Amino acid sequence: MRLTIVTDAWAPQVNGVVTTLTRTVRGLQALGVDVEVITPQGFASIPCPSYPEIRLAIFPGAEVQRRLLANDPDAVHIATEGPLGMAARRCCLDQGWQFSTSYHTRFPEYLSARWPLPEEWTYAWLRRFHGAAARTMVGTPSMRRELAARGFKHLVEWTRGVDSELFQPKAPQRQLPWGRERTERPVLMYVGRVAVEKNIAAFLDLPYAADKVVVGDGPALAALRQAHPAVVWTGFLAGENLAGAVAQADCVVFPSRTDTFGLVMLEAMACGVPVAAFPVTGPCDVVTPGVTGELHEDLAMAVRGALRLDRHGVAAAVAGRQWSAATAQFLGHLAPTREARVERMTVACA
């Protein structure tokens, strides 16, 4: 089976979308799927406004079409709604090919947090973009219900996994990875992009006697670090450094109200670290209250409840969340570009 994935989000970007796609590609290749990934690499590009680490391809249509036609794929998956995704969508429609899409990012909320742009305008555009797809994959049941209520069609669920070999429980250390000694107060940690849409202020302003740590980078980092000098700001961490830091937290606080999933929650749980979050789309599907964390509109109450949970129980509850299962689910949702390709895809999915 030949599959082409088109994405505007790819390395060297570091975010949940890139992690999901790279792990999925790796899993598909292990199953024998011939995967081509069309990414911004190799295209002339400009930095995305307010997200300079994200490069947007300039006029990619002709090259995207050339590569799609040359690969003649059995299935096409369009992962993002950027310039590459739009070019691939246009090519598939011109060729009469079916394709699938995925909904990773709540752009309407992200844009309205920065500019006075009505969310409904962006949702109308997204409905049109995804409406041409045979299937649109979403990360959680609550996200599926929310998009369905907004008029999105052909929605299916595509879950996520966690690298349990990397993220696993570790014994508490007196000397913490960020250079400070552990105190009697609990370590509360935020992990992710330091940007306005992540609602980090809800974490930083928590009226809770704790040592707060922020792991990540982003456009709001300088201003927030200056405003909160008592907080530990580690900057960007990855791999063993990230897993080692997360495992030393007593609770990971996930203050975002706009994420469609939140991989960092699974990663924290795999380390035995409970999660405190708001009861919103993403956390309400990922966190099991009283087992892996707590959800509450009062974030301090969620933290208080999460800190009482057994860390062994937290880790055990997510032991089965493997990327292999998520990859199999993704593979089953793909649409053949045309009917003649159904048999080859069926063999690959068997």
C-alpha atoms as a PDB file:
ATOM      1  CA  MET A   1       0.000   0.000   0.000  1.00  0.00           C
ATOM      2  CA  ARG A   2       1.230   3.479  -0.890  1.00  0.00           C
ATOM      3  CA  LEU A   3       0.140   6.344   1.357  1.00  0.00           C
ATOM      4  CA  THR A   4       0.893  10.050   1.035  1.00  0.00           C
ATOM      5  CA  ILE A   5       0.536  12.221   4.144  1.00  0.00           C
ATOM      6  CA  VAL A   6       0.532  15.986   3.608  1.00  0.00           C
ATOM      7  CA  THR A   7       1.318  18.194   6.594  1.00  0.00           C
ATOM      8  CA  ASP A   8       2.336  21.785   7.224  1.00  0.00           C
ATOM      9  CA  ALA A   9       3.530  20.721  10.698  1.00  0.00           C
ATOM     10  CA  TRP A  10       6.780  18.756  10.797  1.00  0.00           C
ATOM     11  CA  ALA A  11      10.262  18.747  12.315  1.00  0.00           C
ATOM     12  CA  PRO A  12      12.006  20.851  13.489  1.00  0.00           C
ATOM     13  CA  GLN A  13       8.714  21.981  15.013  1.00  0.00           C
ATOM     14  CA  VAL A  14       8.011  20.342  18.369  1.00  0.00           C
ATOM     15  CA  ASN A  15       4.350  19.999  19.304  1.00  0.00           C
ATOM     16  CA  GLY A  16       1.641  17.397  19.718  1.00  0.00           C
ATOM     17  CA  VAL A  17       0.759  17.383  16.023  1.00  0.00           C
ATOM     18  CA  VAL A  18       4.338  16.655  14.965  1.00  0.00           C
ATOM     19  CA  THR A  19       4.749  13.976  17.649  1.00  0.00           C
ATOM     20  CA  THR A  20       1.514  12.308  16.579  1.00  0.00           C
ATOM     21  CA  LEU A  21       2.410  12.315  12.896  1.00  0.00           C
ATOM     22  CA  THR A  22       6.004  11.131  13.318  1.00  0.00           C
ATOM     23  CA  ARG A  23       4.947   8.283  15.616  1.00  0.00           C
ATOM     24  CA  THR A  24       2.185   7.328  13.186  1.00  0.00           C
ATOM     25  CA  VAL A  25       4.538   7.315  10.193  1.00  0.00           C
ATOM     26  CA  ARG A  26       6.975   5.136  12.117  1.00  0.00           C
ATOM     27  CA  GLY A  27       4.212   2.713  13.042  1.00  0.00           C
ATOM     28  CA  LEU A  28       2.864   2.557   9.493  1.00  0.00           C
ATOM     29  CA  GLN A  29       6.306   1.806   8.085  1.00  0.00           C
ATOM     30  CA  ALA A  30       6.706  -1.004  10.626  1.00  0.00           C
ATOM     31  CA  LEU A  31       3.500  -2.494   9.190  1.00  0.00           C
ATOM     32  CA  GLY A  32       4.952  -2.387   5.691  1.00  0.00           C
ATOM     33  CA  VAL A  33       3.082   0.670   4.436  1.00  0.00           C
ATOM     34  CA  ASP A  34       5.026   2.732   1.866  1.00  0.00           C
ATOM     35  CA  VAL A  35       4.622   6.243   3.301  1.00  0.00           C
ATOM     36  CA  GLU A  36       5.584   9.482   1.575  1.00  0.00           C
ATOM     37  CA  VAL A  37       5.284  12.633   3.705  1.00  0.00           C
ATOM     38  CA  ILE A  38       5.000  16.015   1.999  1.00  0.00           C
ATOM     39  CA  THR A  39       6.212  18.641   4.492  1.00  0.00           C
ATOM     40  CA  PRO A  40       7.421  22.276   4.320  1.00  0.00           C
ATOM     41  CA  GLN A  41      10.996  21.001   3.942  1.00  0.00           C
ATOM     42  CA  GLY A  42      12.256  21.816   0.462  1.00  0.00           C
ATOM     43  CA  PHE A  43       9.667  24.530  -0.185  1.00  0.00           C
ATOM     44  CA  ALA A  44      10.234  28.270  -0.127  1.00  0.00           C
ATOM     45  CA  SER A  45       8.522  29.421   3.052  1.00  0.00           C
ATOM     46  CA  ILE A  46       7.797  32.304   5.394  1.00  0.00           C
ATOM     47  CA  PRO A  47       7.361  32.279   9.203  1.00  0.00           C
ATOM     48  CA  CYS A  48       3.790  31.984  10.440  1.00  0.00           C
ATOM     49  CA  PRO A  49       2.592  35.174  12.199  1.00  0.00           C
ATOM     50  CA  SER A  50       2.908  34.735  16.002  1.00  0.00           C
ATOM     51  CA  TYR A  51       4.363  31.218  15.400  1.00  0.00           C
ATOM     52  CA  PRO A  52       7.741  31.990  13.763  1.00  0.00           C
ATOM     53  CA  GLU A  53       9.009  28.432  14.269  1.00  0.00           C
ATOM     54  CA  ILE A  54       6.252  27.266  11.929  1.00  0.00           C
ATOM     55  CA  ARG A  55       7.185  27.758   8.278  1.00  0.00           C
ATOM     56  CA  LEU A  56       4.405  28.250   5.727  1.00  0.00           C
ATOM     57  CA  ALA A  57       5.148  27.085   2.190  1.00  0.00           C
ATOM     58  CA  ILE A  58       4.786  29.726  -0.543  1.00  0.00           C
ATOM     59  CA  PHE A  59       2.815  28.789  -3.690  1.00  0.00           C
ATOM     60  CA  PRO A  60       3.344  25.020  -3.240  1.00  0.00           C
ATOM     61  CA  GLY A  61       0.523  23.917  -5.555  1.00  0.00           C
ATOM     62  CA  ALA A  62       2.479  22.795  -8.605  1.00  0.00           C
ATOM     63  CA  GLU A  63       5.079  20.828  -6.628  1.00  0.00           C
ATOM     64  CA  VAL A  64       2.472  19.204  -4.370  1.00  0.00           C
ATOM     65  CA  GLN A  65       0.525  18.113  -7.434  1.00  0.00           C
ATOM     66  CA  ARG A  66       3.646  16.774  -9.122  1.00  0.00           C
ATOM     67  CA  ARG A  67       4.571  14.692  -6.086  1.00  0.00           C
ATOM     68  CA  LEU A  68       1.063  13.370  -5.560  1.00  0.00           C
ATOM     69  CA  LEU A  69       0.698  12.302  -9.174  1.00  0.00           C
ATOM     70  CA  ALA A  70       4.190  10.793  -9.251  1.00  0.00           C
ATOM     71  CA  ASN A  71       3.507   8.715  -6.136  1.00  0.00           C
ATOM     72  CA  ASP A  72       0.046   7.661  -7.377  1.00  0.00           C
ATOM     73  CA  PRO A  73      -0.975   6.756  -3.806  1.00  0.00           C
ATOM     74  CA  ASP A  74      -3.625   4.299  -2.721  1.00  0.00           C
ATOM     75  CA  ALA A  75      -4.650   6.796  -0.032  1.00  0.00           C
ATOM     76  CA  VAL A  76      -3.995  10.458   0.772  1.00  0.00           C
ATOM     77  CA  HIS A  77      -4.237  11.921   4.262  1.00  0.00           C
ATOM     78  CA  ILE A  78      -4.215  15.710   4.676  1.00  0.00           C
ATOM     79  CA  ALA A  79      -3.164  16.401   8.253  1.00  0.00           C
ATOM     80  CA  THR A  80      -3.280  20.215   8.355  1.00  0.00           C
ATOM     81  CA  GLU A  81      -5.214  23.093   6.864  1.00  0.00           C
ATOM     82  CA  GLY A  82      -2.176  25.174   5.822  1.00  0.00           C
ATOM     83  CA  PRO A  83      -0.798  25.940   2.350  1.00  0.00           C
ATOM     84  CA  LEU A  84       0.365  22.358   1.738  1.00  0.00           C
ATOM     85  CA  GLY A  85      -2.928  20.930   2.940  1.00  0.00           C
ATOM     86  CA  MET A  86      -4.914  23.298   0.736  1.00  0.00           C
ATOM     87  CA  ALA A  87      -2.759  22.440  -2.296  1.00  0.00           C
ATOM     88  CA  ALA A  88      -3.205  18.699  -1.699  1.00  0.00           C
ATOM     89  CA  ARG A  89      -6.964  19.110  -1.252  1.00  0.00           C
ATOM     90  CA  ARG A  90      -7.213  21.001  -4.539  1.00  0.00           C
ATOM     91  CA  CYS A  91      -5.186  18.346  -6.378  1.00  0.00           C
ATOM     92  CA  CYS A  92      -7.283  15.482  -4.998  1.00  0.00           C
ATOM     93  CA  LEU A  93     -10.514  17.208  -5.981  1.00  0.00           C
ATOM     94  CA  ASP A  94      -9.161  17.911  -9.475  1.00  0.00           C
ATOM     95  CA  GLN A  95      -8.223  14.241  -9.871  1.00  0.00           C
ATOM     96  CA  GLY A  96     -11.483  12.958  -8.429  1.00  0.00           C
ATOM     97  CA  TRP A  97      -9.590  11.246  -5.590  1.00  0.00           C
ATOM     98  CA  GLN A  98     -11.005  10.548  -2.158  1.00  0.00           C
ATOM     99  CA  PHE A  99      -8.884  11.635   0.817  1.00  0.00           C
ATOM    100  CA  SER A 100      -9.027  11.864   4.589  1.00  0.00           C
ATOM    101  CA  THR A 101      -8.206  14.801   6.857  1.00  0.00           C
ATOM    102  CA  SER A 102      -7.563  15.289  10.567  1.00  0.00           C
ATOM    103  CA  TYR A 103      -8.506  18.073  12.965  1.00  0.00           C
ATOM    104  CA  HIS A 104      -5.607  18.739  15.329  1.00  0.00           C
ATOM    105  CA  THR A 105      -5.798  22.430  16.204  1.00  0.00           C
ATOM    106  CA  ARG A 106      -8.585  24.771  17.247  1.00  0.00           C
ATOM    107  CA  PHE A 107      -7.520  27.601  14.990  1.00  0.00           C
ATOM    108  CA  PRO A 108     -10.702  29.664  15.543  1.00  0.00           C
ATOM    109  CA  GLU A 109      -9.939  29.991  19.255  1.00  0.00           C
ATOM    110  CA  TYR A 110      -6.213  30.498  18.640  1.00  0.00           C
ATOM    111  CA  LEU A 111      -6.836  33.296  16.144  1.00  0.00           C
ATOM    112  CA  SER A 112      -9.464  35.060  18.229  1.00  0.00           C
ATOM    113  CA  ALA A 113      -7.054  35.066  21.187  1.00  0.00           C
ATOM    114  CA  ARG A 114      -4.742  37.255  19.101  1.00  0.00           C
ATOM    115  CA  TRP A 115      -6.921  39.246  16.737  1.00  0.00           C
ATOM    116  CA  PRO A 116     -10.583  40.421  16.712  1.00  0.00           C
ATOM    117  CA  LEU A 117     -11.616  37.693  14.260  1.00  0.00           C
ATOM    118  CA  PRO A 118     -15.014  36.042  14.901  1.00  0.00           C
ATOM    119  CA  GLU A 119     -14.591  32.345  15.569  1.00  0.00           C
ATOM    120  CA  GLU A 120     -17.587  31.463  13.404  1.00  0.00           C
ATOM    121  CA  TRP A 121     -15.835  32.848  10.309  1.00  0.00           C
ATOM    122  CA  THR A 122     -12.914  30.475  10.808  1.00  0.00           C
ATOM    123  CA  TYR A 123     -15.197  27.552  11.641  1.00  0.00           C
ATOM    124  CA  ALA A 124     -17.120  28.174   8.404  1.00  0.00           C
ATOM    125  CA  TRP A 125     -13.867  27.956   6.429  1.00  0.00           C
ATOM    126  CA  LEU A 126     -12.800  24.812   8.299  1.00  0.00           C
ATOM    127  CA  ARG A 127     -16.185  23.184   7.646  1.00  0.00           C
ATOM    128  CA  ARG A 128     -15.690  23.782   3.947  1.00  0.00           C
ATOM    129  CA  PHE A 129     -12.097  22.506   4.025  1.00  0.00           C
ATOM    130  CA  HIS A 130     -12.910  19.257   5.830  1.00  0.00           C
ATOM    131  CA  GLY A 131     -16.312  18.846   4.212  1.00  0.00           C
ATOM    132  CA  ALA A 132     -14.713  17.531   1.016  1.00  0.00           C
ATOM    133  CA  ALA A 133     -12.976  14.686   2.874  1.00  0.00           C
ATOM    134  CA  ALA A 134     -14.319  11.133   3.009  1.00  0.00           C
ATOM    135  CA  ARG A 135     -13.448  11.119   6.722  1.00  0.00           C
ATOM    136  CA  THR A 136     -12.135  13.665   9.209  1.00  0.00           C
ATOM    137  CA  MET A 137     -10.230  12.186  12.145  1.00  0.00           C
ATOM    138  CA  VAL A 138     -10.497  13.802  15.590  1.00  0.00           C
ATOM    139  CA  GLY A 139      -8.665  12.922  18.786  1.00  0.00           C
ATOM    140  CA  THR A 140     -11.494  12.507  21.309  1.00  0.00           C
ATOM    141  CA  PRO A 141     -15.224  11.749  21.543  1.00  0.00           C
ATOM    142  CA  SER A 142     -15.933  15.207  22.999  1.00  0.00           C
ATOM    143  CA  MET A 143     -14.132  16.883  20.090  1.00  0.00           C
ATOM    144  CA  ARG A 144     -16.188  14.791  17.691  1.00  0.00           C
ATOM    145  CA  ARG A 145     -19.431  15.874  19.382  1.00  0.00           C
ATOM    146  CA  GLU A 146     -18.387  19.521  19.413  1.00  0.00           C
ATOM    147  CA  LEU A 147     -17.498  19.579  15.724  1.00  0.00           C
ATOM    148  CA  ALA A 148     -20.651  17.660  14.807  1.00  0.00           C
ATOM    149  CA  ALA A 149     -22.690  20.316  16.605  1.00  0.00           C
ATOM    150  CA  ARG A 150     -20.936  22.902  14.417  1.00  0.00           C
ATOM    151  CA  GLY A 151     -21.968  21.106  11.250  1.00  0.00           C
ATOM    152  CA  PHE A 152     -18.846  19.037  10.482  1.00  0.00           C
ATOM    153  CA  LYS A 153     -19.531  15.731   8.705  1.00  0.00           C
ATOM    154  CA  HIS A 154     -17.906  12.290   8.354  1.00  0.00           C
ATOM    155  CA  LEU A 155     -16.153  12.508  11.749  1.00  0.00           C
ATOM    156  CA  VAL A 156     -14.270   9.499  13.146  1.00  0.00           C
ATOM    157  CA  GLU A 157     -12.094   9.095  16.239  1.00  0.00           C
ATOM    158  CA  TRP A 158      -8.341   8.655  16.086  1.00  0.00           C
ATOM    159  CA  THR A 159      -6.812   8.341  19.548  1.00  0.00           C
ATOM    160  CA  ARG A 160      -3.205   8.866  20.668  1.00  0.00           C
ATOM    161  CA  GLY A 161      -0.544   6.822  22.444  1.00  0.00           C
ATOM    162  CA  VAL A 162       2.437   7.336  24.711  1.00  0.00           C
ATOM    163  CA  ASP A 163       6.041   6.116  24.577  1.00  0.00           C
ATOM    164  CA  SER A 164       6.075   4.056  27.778  1.00  0.00           C
ATOM    165  CA  GLU A 165       9.758   3.210  27.369  1.00  0.00           C
ATOM    166  CA  LEU A 166      10.641   6.896  27.600  1.00  0.00           C
ATOM    167  CA  PHE A 167       7.934   8.137  29.967  1.00  0.00           C
ATOM    168  CA  GLN A 168       7.903   5.946  33.060  1.00  0.00           C
ATOM    169  CA  PRO A 169       7.871   6.408  36.846  1.00  0.00           C
ATOM    170  CA  LYS A 170      11.130   7.364  38.545  1.00  0.00           C
ATOM    171  CA  ALA A 171      12.076   7.600  42.211  1.00  0.00           C
ATOM    172  CA  PRO A 172      11.821  11.115  43.721  1.00  0.00           C
ATOM    173  CA  GLN A 173      15.133  12.980  43.701  1.00  0.00           C
ATOM    174  CA  ARG A 174      16.295  15.438  46.324  1.00  0.00           C
ATOM    175  CA  GLN A 175      18.274  17.346  43.692  1.00  0.00           C
ATOM    176  CA  LEU A 176      15.787  18.180  40.954  1.00  0.00           C
ATOM    177  CA  PRO A 177      16.717  18.190  37.233  1.00  0.00           C
ATOM    178  CA  TRP A 178      16.352  21.976  37.005  1.00  0.00           C
ATOM    179  CA  GLY A 179      19.052  22.567  39.598  1.00  0.00           C
ATOM    180  CA  ARG A 180      17.057  23.185  42.774  1.00  0.00           C
ATOM    181  CA  GLU A 181      16.567  21.014  45.834  1.00  0.00           C
ATOM    182  CA  ARG A 182      13.170  19.530  46.560  1.00  0.00           C
ATOM    183  CA  THR A 183      11.312  21.325  49.340  1.00  0.00           C
ATOM    184  CA  GLU A 184       8.399  20.255  51.524  1.00  0.00           C
ATOM    185  CA  ARG A 185       6.036  21.895  49.060  1.00  0.00           C
ATOM    186  CA  PRO A 186       4.625  19.943  46.096  1.00  0.00           C
ATOM    187  CA  VAL A 187       6.109  20.470  42.626  1.00  0.00           C
ATOM    188  CA  LEU A 188       3.451  21.661  40.189  1.00  0.00           C
ATOM    189  CA  MET A 189       4.478  21.605  36.535  1.00  0.00           C
ATOM    190  CA  TYR A 190       3.181  23.014  33.276  1.00  0.00           C
ATOM    191  CA  VAL A 191       4.520  21.381  30.096  1.00  0.00           C
ATOM    192  CA  GLY A 192       3.920  22.846  26.663  1.00  0.00           C
ATOM    193  CA  ARG A 193       4.046  25.877  24.468  1.00  0.00           C
ATOM    194  CA  VAL A 194       4.321  29.191  26.330  1.00  0.00           C
ATOM    195  CA  ALA A 195       1.659  31.121  24.434  1.00  0.00           C
ATOM    196  CA  VAL A 196      -1.547  33.011  25.133  1.00  0.00           C
ATOM    197  CA  GLU A 197      -3.898  30.290  23.891  1.00  0.00           C
ATOM    198  CA  LYS A 198      -2.517  27.817  26.454  1.00  0.00           C
ATOM    199  CA  ASN A 199      -4.031  29.839  29.341  1.00  0.00           C
ATOM    200  CA  ILE A 200      -0.806  29.561  31.363  1.00  0.00           C
ATOM    201  CA  ALA A 201      -1.893  32.432  33.600  1.00  0.00           C
ATOM    202  CA  ALA A 202      -4.400  30.068  35.229  1.00  0.00           C
ATOM    203  CA  PHE A 203      -1.447  27.910  36.308  1.00  0.00           C
ATOM    204  CA  LEU A 204       0.876  30.752  37.302  1.00  0.00           C
ATOM    205  CA  ASP A 205      -1.816  32.468  39.377  1.00  0.00           C
ATOM    206  CA  LEU A 206      -2.834  29.339  41.288  1.00  0.00           C
ATOM    207  CA  PRO A 207      -3.277  30.246  44.968  1.00  0.00           C
ATOM    208  CA  TYR A 208      -1.536  27.086  46.071  1.00  0.00           C
ATOM    209  CA  ALA A 209       1.577  26.748  48.206  1.00  0.00           C
ATOM    210  CA  ALA A 210       3.799  24.931  45.736  1.00  0.00           C
ATOM    211  CA  ASP A 211       6.993  25.115  43.724  1.00  0.00           C
ATOM    212  CA  LYS A 212       5.919  25.899  40.167  1.00  0.00           C
ATOM    213  CA  VAL A 213       7.873  24.792  37.108  1.00  0.00           C
ATOM    214  CA  VAL A 214       7.221  25.692  33.454  1.00  0.00           C
ATOM    215  CA  VAL A 215       8.736  23.393  30.824  1.00  0.00           C
ATOM    216  CA  GLY A 216       8.565  24.821  27.321  1.00  0.00           C
ATOM    217  CA  ASP A 217       9.209  27.768  25.072  1.00  0.00           C
ATOM    218  CA  GLY A 218       7.112  30.198  23.095  1.00  0.00           C
ATOM    219  CA  PRO A 219       6.338  33.843  22.326  1.00  0.00           C
ATOM    220  CA  ALA A 220       5.033  34.660  25.821  1.00  0.00           C
ATOM    221  CA  LEU A 221       8.074  33.266  27.650  1.00  0.00           C
ATOM    222  CA  ALA A 222      10.060  36.486  28.179  1.00  0.00           C
ATOM    223  CA  ALA A 223       7.131  38.503  29.514  1.00  0.00           C
ATOM    224  CA  LEU A 224       5.834  35.770  31.796  1.00  0.00           C
ATOM    225  CA  ARG A 225       9.284  34.938  33.164  1.00  0.00           C
ATOM    226  CA  GLN A 226       9.792  38.583  34.077  1.00  0.00           C
ATOM    227  CA  ALA A 227       6.365  38.778  35.731  1.00  0.00           C
ATOM    228  CA  HIS A 228       6.860  35.530  37.704  1.00  0.00           C
ATOM    229  CA  PRO A 229      10.485  35.384  38.893  1.00  0.00           C
ATOM    230  CA  ALA A 230       9.765  32.775  41.592  1.00  0.00           C
ATOM    231  CA  VAL A 231       8.706  30.229  38.966  1.00  0.00           C
ATOM    232  CA  VAL A 232      11.318  27.842  37.506  1.00  0.00           C
ATOM    233  CA  TRP A 233      11.493  28.264  33.717  1.00  0.00           C
ATOM    234  CA  THR A 234      13.417  25.366  32.196  1.00  0.00           C
ATOM    235  CA  GLY A 235      12.906  26.315  28.551  1.00  0.00           C
ATOM    236  CA  PHE A 236      12.422  23.639  25.920  1.00  0.00           C
ATOM    237  CA  LEU A 237      13.207  20.045  26.937  1.00  0.00           C
ATOM    238  CA  ALA A 238      12.970  16.861  24.859  1.00  0.00           C
ATOM    239  CA  GLY A 239      13.615  13.142  25.089  1.00  0.00           C
ATOM    240  CA  GLU A 240      15.191  11.866  28.299  1.00  0.00           C
ATOM    241  CA  ASN A 241      15.524  15.402  29.672  1.00  0.00           C
ATOM    242  CA  LEU A 242      11.793  15.981  29.290  1.00  0.00           C
ATOM    243  CA  ALA A 243      10.789  12.586  30.666  1.00  0.00           C
ATOM    244  CA  GLY A 244      13.161  12.972  33.614  1.00  0.00           C
ATOM    245  CA  ALA A 245      11.761  16.393  34.487  1.00  0.00           C
ATOM    246  CA  VAL A 246       8.114  15.332  34.212  1.00  0.00           C
ATOM    247  CA  ALA A 247       8.697  12.268  36.407  1.00  0.00           C
ATOM    248  CA  GLN A 248       9.854  14.532  39.254  1.00  0.00           C
ATOM    249  CA  ALA A 249       6.642  16.562  39.344  1.00  0.00           C
ATOM    250  CA  ASP A 250       3.965  15.863  41.932  1.00  0.00           C
ATOM    251  CA  CYS A 251       1.233  17.106  39.613  1.00  0.00           C
ATOM    252  CA  VAL A 252       1.139  18.303  35.993  1.00  0.00           C
ATOM    253  CA  VAL A 253      -1.309  21.154  35.563  1.00  0.00           C
ATOM    254  CA  PHE A 254      -2.963  21.426  32.148  1.00  0.00           C
ATOM    255  CA  PRO A 255      -4.691  24.836  32.075  1.00  0.00           C
ATOM    256  CA  SER A 256      -5.548  24.936  28.355  1.00  0.00           C
ATOM    257  CA  ARG A 257      -9.187  25.243  27.345  1.00  0.00           C
ATOM    258  CA  THR A 258      -8.461  24.983  23.598  1.00  0.00           C
ATOM    259  CA  ASP A 259      -6.444  21.779  23.051  1.00  0.00           C
ATOM    260  CA  THR A 260      -8.040  18.979  21.050  1.00  0.00           C
ATOM    261  CA  PHE A 261      -6.199  16.270  23.000  1.00  0.00           C
ATOM    262  CA  GLY A 262      -3.118  17.123  25.077  1.00  0.00           C
ATOM    263  CA  LEU A 263      -0.376  14.512  24.659  1.00  0.00           C
ATOM    264  CA  VAL A 264       1.529  15.874  27.650  1.00  0.00           C
ATOM    265  CA  MET A 265      -1.230  14.580  29.909  1.00  0.00           C
ATOM    266  CA  LEU A 266      -0.664  11.005  28.745  1.00  0.00           C
ATOM    267  CA  GLU A 267       3.099  11.460  29.102  1.00  0.00           C
ATOM    268  CA  ALA A 268       2.690  12.707  32.666  1.00  0.00           C
ATOM    269  CA  MET A 269       0.386   9.831  33.585  1.00  0.00           C
ATOM    270  CA  ALA A 270       2.809   7.284  32.147  1.00  0.00           C
ATOM    271  CA  CYS A 271       5.350   8.713  34.628  1.00  0.00           C
ATOM    272  CA  GLY A 272       2.851   8.190  37.430  1.00  0.00           C
ATOM    273  CA  VAL A 273       2.191  11.928  37.717  1.00  0.00           C
ATOM    274  CA  PRO A 274      -1.485  12.891  38.128  1.00  0.00           C
ATOM    275  CA  VAL A 275      -2.996  15.703  36.047  1.00  0.00           C
ATOM    276  CA  ALA A 276      -5.106  18.663  37.140  1.00  0.00           C
ATOM    277  CA  ALA A 277      -7.171  20.344  34.438  1.00  0.00           C
ATOM    278  CA  PHE A 278     -10.420  22.073  33.591  1.00  0.00           C
ATOM    279  CA  PRO A 279     -13.377  19.826  32.606  1.00  0.00           C
ATOM    280  CA  VAL A 280     -13.187  20.740  28.917  1.00  0.00           C
ATOM    281  CA  THR A 281     -12.637  19.028  25.565  1.00  0.00           C
ATOM    282  CA  GLY A 282      -9.354  17.124  25.698  1.00  0.00           C
ATOM    283  CA  PRO A 283      -8.910  16.646  29.446  1.00  0.00           C
ATOM    284  CA  CYS A 284     -12.417  15.234  29.931  1.00  0.00           C
ATOM    285  CA  ASP A 285     -11.522  12.402  27.528  1.00  0.00           C
ATOM    286  CA  VAL A 286      -7.922  11.863  28.678  1.00  0.00           C
ATOM    287  CA  VAL A 287      -8.181  12.234  32.471  1.00  0.00           C
ATOM    288  CA  THR A 288     -10.105   9.705  34.558  1.00  0.00           C
ATOM    289  CA  PRO A 289     -11.150  11.669  37.662  1.00  0.00           C
ATOM    290  CA  GLY A 290     -10.076  10.006  40.873  1.00  0.00           C
ATOM    291  CA  VAL A 291      -7.706   7.675  39.013  1.00  0.00           C
ATOM    292  CA  THR A 292      -5.299   9.609  36.763  1.00  0.00           C
ATOM    293  CA  GLY A 293      -6.129  13.144  37.842  1.00  0.00           C
ATOM    294  CA  GLU A 294      -8.881  15.574  38.704  1.00  0.00           C
ATOM    295  CA  LEU A 295     -11.024  17.987  36.694  1.00  0.00           C
ATOM    296  CA  HIS A 296     -12.592  21.089  38.214  1.00  0.00           C
ATOM    297  CA  GLU A 297     -13.525  24.606  37.178  1.00  0.00           C
ATOM    298  CA  ASP A 298     -11.563  25.691  40.247  1.00  0.00           C
ATOM    299  CA  LEU A 299      -8.084  24.616  39.139  1.00  0.00           C
ATOM    300  CA  ALA A 300      -6.769  24.752  42.706  1.00  0.00           C
ATOM    301  CA  MET A 301      -9.425  22.214  43.702  1.00  0.00           C
ATOM    302  CA  ALA A 302      -8.325  19.986  40.822  1.00  0.00           C
ATOM    303  CA  VAL A 303      -4.714  20.226  42.018  1.00  0.00           C
ATOM    304  CA  ARG A 304      -5.701  19.407  45.583  1.00  0.00           C
ATOM    305  CA  GLY A 305      -7.551  16.290  44.458  1.00  0.00           C
ATOM    306  CA  ALA A 306      -4.835  15.170  42.042  1.00  0.00           C
ATOM    307  CA  LEU A 307      -2.143  15.360  44.709  1.00  0.00           C
ATOM    308  CA  ARG A 308      -4.028  12.780  46.779  1.00  0.00           C
ATOM    309  CA  LEU A 309      -3.922  10.109  44.067  1.00  0.00           C
ATOM    310  CA  ASP A 310      -1.701   7.038  44.107  1.00  0.00           C
ATOM    311  CA  ARG A 311       1.127   7.397  41.565  1.00  0.00           C
ATOM    312  CA  HIS A 312       1.316   3.661  40.900  1.00  0.00           C
ATOM    313  CA  GLY A 313      -2.369   3.653  40.069  1.00  0.00           C
ATOM    314  CA  VAL A 314      -1.931   6.612  37.713  1.00  0.00           C
ATOM    315  CA  ALA A 315       0.790   4.826  35.729  1.00  0.00           C
ATOM    316  CA  ALA A 316      -1.092   1.524  35.662  1.00  0.00           C
ATOM    317  CA  ALA A 317      -4.218   3.185  34.264  1.00  0.00           C
ATOM    318  CA  VAL A 318      -2.473   4.276  31.056  1.00  0.00           C
ATOM    319  CA  ALA A 319      -0.226   1.235  30.580  1.00  0.00           C
ATOM    320  CA  GLY A 320      -2.221   0.100  27.556  1.00  0.00           C
ATOM    321  CA  ARG A 321      -2.185   3.422  25.695  1.00  0.00           C
ATOM    322  CA  GLN A 322       0.266   2.377  22.985  1.00  0.00           C
ATOM    323  CA  TRP A 323       0.992   4.105  19.689  1.00  0.00           C
ATOM    324  CA  SER A 324       0.506   0.808  17.852  1.00  0.00           C
ATOM    325  CA  ALA A 325      -3.224   0.831  18.654  1.00  0.00           C
ATOM    326  CA  ALA A 326      -3.542   4.457  17.555  1.00  0.00           C
ATOM    327  CA  THR A 327      -1.732   3.690  14.296  1.00  0.00           C
ATOM    328  CA  ALA A 328      -4.026   0.757  13.548  1.00  0.00           C
ATOM    329  CA  GLN A 329      -7.018   3.014  14.128  1.00  0.00           C
ATOM    330  CA  PHE A 330      -5.581   5.632  11.749  1.00  0.00           C
ATOM    331  CA  LEU A 331      -4.951   3.003   9.083  1.00  0.00           C
ATOM    332  CA  GLY A 332      -8.524   1.767   9.309  1.00  0.00           C
ATOM    333  CA  HIS A 333      -9.908   5.273   8.711  1.00  0.00           C
ATOM    334  CA  LEU A 334      -8.018   5.948   5.465  1.00  0.00           C
ATOM    335  CA  ALA A 335     -10.060   6.312   2.291  1.00  0.00           C
ATOM    336  CA  PRO A 336      -8.928   4.774  -1.036  1.00  0.00           C
ATOM    337  CA  THR A 337      -8.157   7.440  -3.592  1.00  0.00           C
ATOM    338  CA  ARG A 338     -10.372   5.496  -6.009  1.00  0.00           C
ATOM    339  CA  GLU A 339     -12.325   2.260  -5.916  1.00  0.00           C
ATOM    340  CA  ALA A 340      -9.640   0.271  -7.755  1.00  0.00           C
ATOM    341  CA  ARG A 341      -7.370   0.738  -4.718  1.00  0.00           C
ATOM    342  CA  VAL A 342      -9.738  -0.790  -2.154  1.00  0.00           C
ATOM    343  CA  GLU A 343      -8.337  -4.327  -2.438  1.00  0.00           C
ATOM    344  CA  ARG A 344      -4.707  -3.221  -1.919  1.00  0.00           C
ATOM    345  CA  MET A 345      -5.715  -1.164   1.140  1.00  0.00           C
ATOM    346  CA  THR A 346      -7.732  -4.043   2.575  1.00  0.00           C
ATOM    347  CA  VAL A 347      -4.719  -6.324   2.367  1.00  0.00           C
ATOM    348  CA  ALA A 348      -2.532  -3.699   4.087  1.00  0.00           C
ATOM    349  CA  CYS A 349      -5.036  -3.211   6.909  1.00  0.00           C
ATOM    350  CA  ALA A 350      -5.501  -6.955   7.527  1.00  0.00           C
END
